[in-house]
Amino acid sequence: MANITAATVVSLTDKVGALYDAALGSSTTMDGLGDSTQVWGASKKANDLVVLVQALTDPGQQVALLKPANDLQNQMTAKLQIAPDLVQFFNNLKQLCAATSAVTGASSLDSFLKYYNIGAGGPWNALLHPDFATIFQQINNGVALSAFNVYFEILQGATYTNGAGKLLVTGAGTGTFTAGQAVDTTRYAGGFAQLNVSGLTGTGNVTVVGNWLKPNGSVNTAASAVTALAGNGVTIITPPDANDLLLSVSNITIAAGITAGTIYVESKRPAGRSNPPT
């Protein structure tokens, strides 16, 4: 049997993440199994059933139906419904990763990923999706993947209004900085930094100061990344050191040649991947 590759593991885990998302559903669409909050999907319907049984006026009917209705309510979450069926898949995947002779020191899925992210097989060749990391931890007795094996994307929009950081240009070389979302470094490695710009007038360098995760797993603290900005849209940021991932932004400054515009810093997923996974 051939060694399993990093690309294969990424593809498989993205699909498991997509499976979990589909089972979970959302409060927006009101579909899926839902979660323990019982405010959408099948979990909400199970909660509604308990309420109906509790409202029964016949004591005998209520006694007969309340316990099974409560049992159904307690079990009706995405985690509890799909986790048992994923255990064997995860166990076999971990065994394949541990048996991969091409990876020095691999004894588990986590150590396999470490080799391809901050080890000799890296950098960042096997960053997994946060949704997979969530269901993996739930099934893995609460033990999470190492933070440097899971990326985190921060794009400006409804969820992250200021991205990872925002600069509203107020004049030549001046602007108002607003802090954005930082990466939870206890759970994630961060993402690939980029600028997202609109309303730009002028050209010049943009300097982003923040914390960055280095390919050896250490943090590059309060380090500056200088990027030449010449137009609207997305511009890739050259990190302070090669292959650093963005963790947080503490300031954004601009050259005097830039006189107007709104500049967001974002943390992007690995190339060729989708968020949410499909």
Protein backbone atom coordinates (compact mmCIF):
# COMPACT_ATOMS: atom_id res chain seq x y z
CA MET A 1 0.00 0.00 0.00
CA ALA A 2 1.34 3.43 -0.96
CA ASN A 3 2.05 6.16 1.56
CA ILE A 4 -0.78 8.62 2.04
CA THR A 5 0.11 12.14 0.90
CA ALA A 6 -0.48 15.53 2.48
CA ALA A 7 -2.69 16.53 -0.46
CA THR A 8 -4.86 13.45 0.05
CA VAL A 9 -5.24 14.12 3.78
CA VAL A 10 -6.20 17.74 3.08
CA SER A 11 -8.78 16.69 0.50
CA LEU A 12 -10.31 14.03 2.75
CA THR A 13 -10.49 16.25 5.82
CA ASP A 14 -12.02 19.12 3.85
CA LYS A 15 -14.77 16.75 2.75
CA VAL A 16 -15.36 15.61 6.34
CA GLY A 17 -15.61 19.27 7.33
CA ALA A 18 -18.16 19.80 4.57
CA LEU A 19 -20.10 16.75 5.76
CA TYR A 20 -20.20 18.13 9.30
CA ASP A 21 -21.33 21.55 8.06
CA ALA A 22 -24.12 19.94 6.02
CA ALA A 23 -25.28 17.91 9.00
CA LEU A 24 -25.09 20.88 11.36
CA GLY A 25 -27.03 23.26 9.09
CA SER A 26 -27.50 26.85 10.24
CA SER A 27 -29.82 29.22 12.04
CA THR A 28 -30.07 31.21 8.80
CA THR A 29 -31.53 28.40 6.71
CA MET A 30 -33.11 26.59 9.69
CA ASP A 31 -32.02 23.27 8.18
CA GLY A 32 -29.66 20.51 9.35
CA LEU A 33 -29.54 18.68 12.65
CA GLY A 34 -28.59 21.76 14.65
CA ASP A 35 -26.60 21.84 17.88
CA SER A 36 -27.21 21.85 21.61
CA THR A 37 -28.66 25.39 21.55
CA GLN A 38 -31.78 23.87 19.94
CA VAL A 39 -32.65 26.98 17.97
CA TRP A 40 -32.62 25.54 14.46
CA GLY A 41 -32.93 22.35 12.47
CA ALA A 42 -33.92 18.96 13.80
CA SER A 43 -32.74 19.85 17.31
CA LYS A 44 -35.27 22.69 17.43
CA LYS A 45 -38.04 20.38 16.23
CA ALA A 46 -37.10 17.89 18.95
CA ASN A 47 -37.26 20.70 21.51
CA ASP A 48 -40.67 21.71 20.13
CA LEU A 49 -41.82 18.11 20.56
CA VAL A 50 -40.86 18.14 24.25
CA VAL A 51 -42.79 21.36 24.74
CA LEU A 52 -45.87 19.81 23.12
CA VAL A 53 -45.65 16.70 25.28
CA GLN A 54 -45.25 18.83 28.41
CA ALA A 55 -48.43 20.66 27.44
CA LEU A 56 -50.51 17.47 27.25
CA THR A 57 -53.36 17.52 29.74
CA ASP A 58 -53.68 13.75 30.02
CA PRO A 59 -51.21 12.53 32.70
CA GLY A 60 -50.97 9.05 31.20
CA GLN A 61 -50.10 10.36 27.75
CA GLN A 62 -47.51 12.70 29.22
CA VAL A 63 -45.86 9.94 31.26
CA ALA A 64 -45.74 7.66 28.22
CA LEU A 65 -44.21 10.23 25.89
CA LEU A 66 -42.07 12.60 27.98
CA LYS A 67 -39.02 10.40 28.51
CA PRO A 68 -38.65 9.31 24.87
CA ALA A 69 -39.23 12.90 23.75
CA ASN A 70 -36.52 14.11 26.13
CA ASP A 71 -34.16 11.35 24.95
CA LEU A 72 -34.76 12.39 21.35
CA GLN A 73 -34.11 16.02 22.22
CA ASN A 74 -30.83 15.17 23.96
CA GLN A 75 -29.56 13.15 21.01
CA MET A 76 -30.66 15.42 18.18
CA THR A 77 -27.42 17.30 17.43
CA ALA A 78 -24.99 17.02 14.55
CA LYS A 79 -22.20 15.95 16.89
CA LEU A 80 -24.10 13.07 18.46
CA GLN A 81 -25.69 11.87 15.24
CA ILE A 82 -22.65 11.74 12.96
CA ALA A 83 -19.77 11.27 15.42
CA PRO A 84 -20.21 7.50 15.88
CA ASP A 85 -20.05 6.98 12.12
CA LEU A 86 -16.87 9.05 11.81
CA VAL A 87 -14.90 7.29 14.53
CA GLN A 88 -13.77 4.39 12.36
CA PHE A 89 -12.90 6.70 9.47
CA PHE A 90 -10.77 8.88 11.76
CA ASN A 91 -9.08 5.88 13.36
CA ASN A 92 -8.13 4.44 9.98
CA LEU A 93 -6.94 7.83 8.70
CA LYS A 94 -4.74 8.26 11.78
CA GLN A 95 -3.29 4.77 11.23
CA LEU A 96 -2.49 5.53 7.60
CA CYS A 97 -0.76 8.76 8.60
CA ALA A 98 1.22 7.03 11.34
CA ALA A 99 2.31 4.30 8.92
CA THR A 100 3.60 6.76 6.33
CA SER A 101 7.31 5.97 6.08
CA ALA A 102 7.94 9.13 4.05
CA VAL A 103 7.25 11.25 7.15
CA THR A 104 9.92 11.16 9.82
CA GLY A 105 8.47 10.70 13.29
CA ALA A 106 4.82 10.43 12.28
CA SER A 107 2.84 8.55 14.92
CA SER A 108 -0.57 10.18 14.50
CA LEU A 109 -2.58 12.51 12.28
CA ASP A 110 -1.28 15.48 14.28
CA SER A 111 2.39 14.56 13.93
CA PHE A 112 1.87 13.80 10.22
CA LEU A 113 0.46 17.29 9.74
CA LYS A 114 3.23 18.83 11.81
CA TYR A 115 5.82 17.39 9.44
CA TYR A 116 4.14 19.09 6.47
CA ASN A 117 3.42 22.39 8.22
CA ILE A 118 6.34 23.30 10.47
CA GLY A 119 8.64 20.35 9.78
CA ALA A 120 10.86 19.18 6.96
CA GLY A 121 7.90 18.68 4.63
CA GLY A 122 6.69 22.27 5.00
CA PRO A 123 6.02 25.01 5.22
CA TRP A 124 2.24 25.01 5.48
CA ASN A 125 1.53 22.14 3.09
CA ALA A 126 -1.16 20.48 5.21
CA LEU A 127 -3.14 23.18 6.98
CA LEU A 128 -6.58 21.79 7.77
CA HIS A 129 -9.93 23.55 7.79
CA PRO A 130 -11.30 24.79 11.16
CA ASP A 131 -14.57 22.92 10.60
CA PHE A 132 -12.71 19.62 10.39
CA ALA A 133 -10.74 20.53 13.50
CA THR A 134 -14.01 21.08 15.37
CA ILE A 135 -15.53 17.68 14.63
CA PHE A 136 -12.15 15.96 15.05
CA GLN A 137 -11.83 17.34 18.59
CA GLN A 138 -15.38 16.31 19.45
CA ILE A 139 -14.67 12.74 18.40
CA ASN A 140 -11.09 12.64 19.69
CA ASN A 141 -12.12 12.75 23.37
CA GLY A 142 -11.73 16.53 23.45
CA VAL A 143 -8.10 16.47 22.31
CA ALA A 144 -7.57 19.11 19.62
CA LEU A 145 -5.19 19.22 16.69
CA SER A 146 -2.14 21.36 17.32
CA ALA A 147 -2.80 25.00 16.50
CA PHE A 148 -0.11 25.11 13.81
CA ASN A 149 -2.01 22.47 11.84
CA VAL A 150 -5.23 24.47 11.37
CA TYR A 151 -5.57 27.69 9.36
CA PHE A 152 -7.95 30.53 10.14
CA GLU A 153 -9.41 32.88 7.56
CA ILE A 154 -10.37 36.50 8.32
CA LEU A 155 -12.01 38.27 5.38
CA GLN A 156 -13.62 41.68 5.66
CA GLY A 157 -17.40 41.39 5.53
CA ALA A 158 -20.42 40.82 7.71
CA THR A 159 -18.57 38.50 10.08
CA TYR A 160 -15.34 40.50 10.36
CA THR A 161 -16.34 44.10 9.72
CA ASN A 162 -12.79 45.44 10.02
CA GLY A 163 -11.03 42.37 8.68
CA ALA A 164 -7.84 41.74 10.65
CA GLY A 165 -7.31 45.51 10.69
CA LYS A 166 -8.54 48.62 8.85
CA LEU A 167 -7.05 51.94 7.83
CA LEU A 168 -9.32 54.73 6.64
CA VAL A 169 -7.07 57.14 4.74
CA THR A 170 -7.70 60.73 5.85
CA GLY A 171 -5.00 62.54 3.88
CA ALA A 172 -1.59 62.19 2.30
CA GLY A 173 0.19 59.53 4.34
CA THR A 174 -2.32 59.68 7.20
CA GLY A 175 -5.26 57.60 8.31
CA THR A 176 -7.33 56.25 11.16
CA PHE A 177 -6.50 52.70 12.23
CA THR A 178 -9.18 50.36 13.61
CA ALA A 179 -8.23 47.03 15.11
CA GLY A 180 -9.85 43.94 13.62
CA GLN A 181 -10.14 40.25 14.43
CA ALA A 182 -7.07 38.46 15.78
CA VAL A 183 -6.41 34.76 15.39
CA ASP A 184 -6.92 32.58 18.47
CA THR A 185 -3.38 31.22 18.65
CA THR A 186 -4.41 28.45 21.04
CA ARG A 187 -6.43 26.89 18.21
CA TYR A 188 -5.18 28.16 14.85
CA ALA A 189 -2.06 28.96 12.84
CA GLY A 190 -3.47 32.02 11.09
CA GLY A 191 -3.58 32.63 7.36
CA PHE A 192 -1.83 34.19 4.39
CA ALA A 193 -1.85 37.98 4.62
CA GLN A 194 -3.31 40.25 1.97
CA LEU A 195 -4.59 43.81 1.52
CA ASN A 196 -8.13 44.47 0.32
CA VAL A 197 -8.44 48.05 -0.89
CA SER A 198 -11.22 50.28 -2.22
CA GLY A 199 -11.48 53.96 -3.14
CA LEU A 200 -7.72 54.26 -3.57
CA THR A 201 -6.12 57.49 -4.70
CA GLY A 202 -2.38 57.50 -5.21
CA THR A 203 0.29 54.85 -4.80
CA GLY A 204 2.93 53.94 -2.25
CA ASN A 205 3.94 51.51 0.45
CA VAL A 206 1.59 50.15 3.08
CA THR A 207 3.21 48.96 6.30
CA VAL A 208 1.37 46.38 8.39
CA VAL A 209 2.62 45.81 11.93
CA GLY A 210 1.50 42.71 13.76
CA ASN A 211 2.27 39.24 15.03
CA TRP A 212 3.16 36.48 12.60
CA LEU A 213 3.61 32.72 12.94
CA LYS A 214 6.94 31.59 11.57
CA PRO A 215 7.38 28.26 9.76
CA ASN A 216 9.33 26.92 12.74
CA GLY A 217 6.31 27.44 15.01
CA SER A 218 7.61 30.52 16.84
CA VAL A 219 5.91 33.92 16.81
CA ASN A 220 7.41 36.94 15.05
CA THR A 221 6.14 39.67 17.39
CA ALA A 222 5.35 43.29 16.39
CA ALA A 223 7.02 42.75 13.03
CA SER A 224 6.48 44.99 9.99
CA ALA A 225 5.49 43.91 6.51
CA VAL A 226 5.92 46.48 3.73
CA THR A 227 3.86 46.12 0.55
CA ALA A 228 3.76 48.36 -2.52
CA LEU A 229 0.16 49.34 -3.24
CA ALA A 230 -0.81 50.52 -6.70
CA GLY A 231 -4.52 49.74 -7.11
CA ASN A 232 -7.83 48.66 -5.65
CA GLY A 233 -8.71 45.06 -4.91
CA VAL A 234 -6.51 42.40 -3.37
CA THR A 235 -2.74 42.73 -3.06
CA ILE A 236 -0.68 39.95 -1.48
CA ILE A 237 1.39 41.06 1.50
CA THR A 238 5.02 40.01 1.63
CA PRO A 239 5.40 38.95 5.28
CA PRO A 240 8.27 40.11 7.50
CA ASP A 241 10.05 36.77 7.00
CA ALA A 242 9.43 34.23 4.28
CA ASN A 243 6.26 32.16 4.75
CA ASP A 244 5.07 33.88 7.95
CA LEU A 245 1.33 33.52 8.59
CA LEU A 246 -0.67 36.47 9.91
CA LEU A 247 -1.92 36.27 13.50
CA SER A 248 -2.91 39.84 14.38
CA VAL A 249 -2.55 43.46 13.26
CA SER A 250 -1.59 46.24 15.68
CA ASN A 251 -1.15 49.10 13.17
CA ILE A 252 -1.30 50.08 9.51
CA THR A 253 0.59 53.06 8.08
CA ILE A 254 0.94 54.43 4.56
CA ALA A 255 3.33 56.45 2.44
CA ALA A 256 2.55 60.08 1.59
CA GLY A 257 1.75 59.08 -1.98
CA ILE A 258 -1.54 57.51 -0.84
CA THR A 259 -4.16 60.21 -0.26
CA ALA A 260 -7.51 58.39 -0.10
CA GLY A 261 -9.02 54.94 0.29
CA THR A 262 -10.00 52.23 2.72
CA ILE A 263 -7.42 49.53 3.40
CA TYR A 264 -8.23 46.24 5.07
CA VAL A 265 -5.76 43.57 6.09
CA GLU A 266 -7.06 40.04 5.69
CA SER A 267 -5.96 36.51 6.56
CA LYS A 268 -6.56 34.17 3.63
CA ARG A 269 -7.00 30.39 3.41
CA PRO A 270 -4.41 28.27 1.52
CA ALA A 271 -4.55 28.48 -2.28
CA GLY A 272 -6.97 26.17 -4.03
CA ARG A 273 -9.18 25.66 -0.97
CA SER A 274 -12.77 26.75 -0.31
CA ASN A 275 -14.32 28.19 2.84
CA PRO A 276 -16.65 26.69 3.83
CA PRO A 277 -15.31 23.40 2.47
CA THR A 278 -17.32 21.75 -0.29
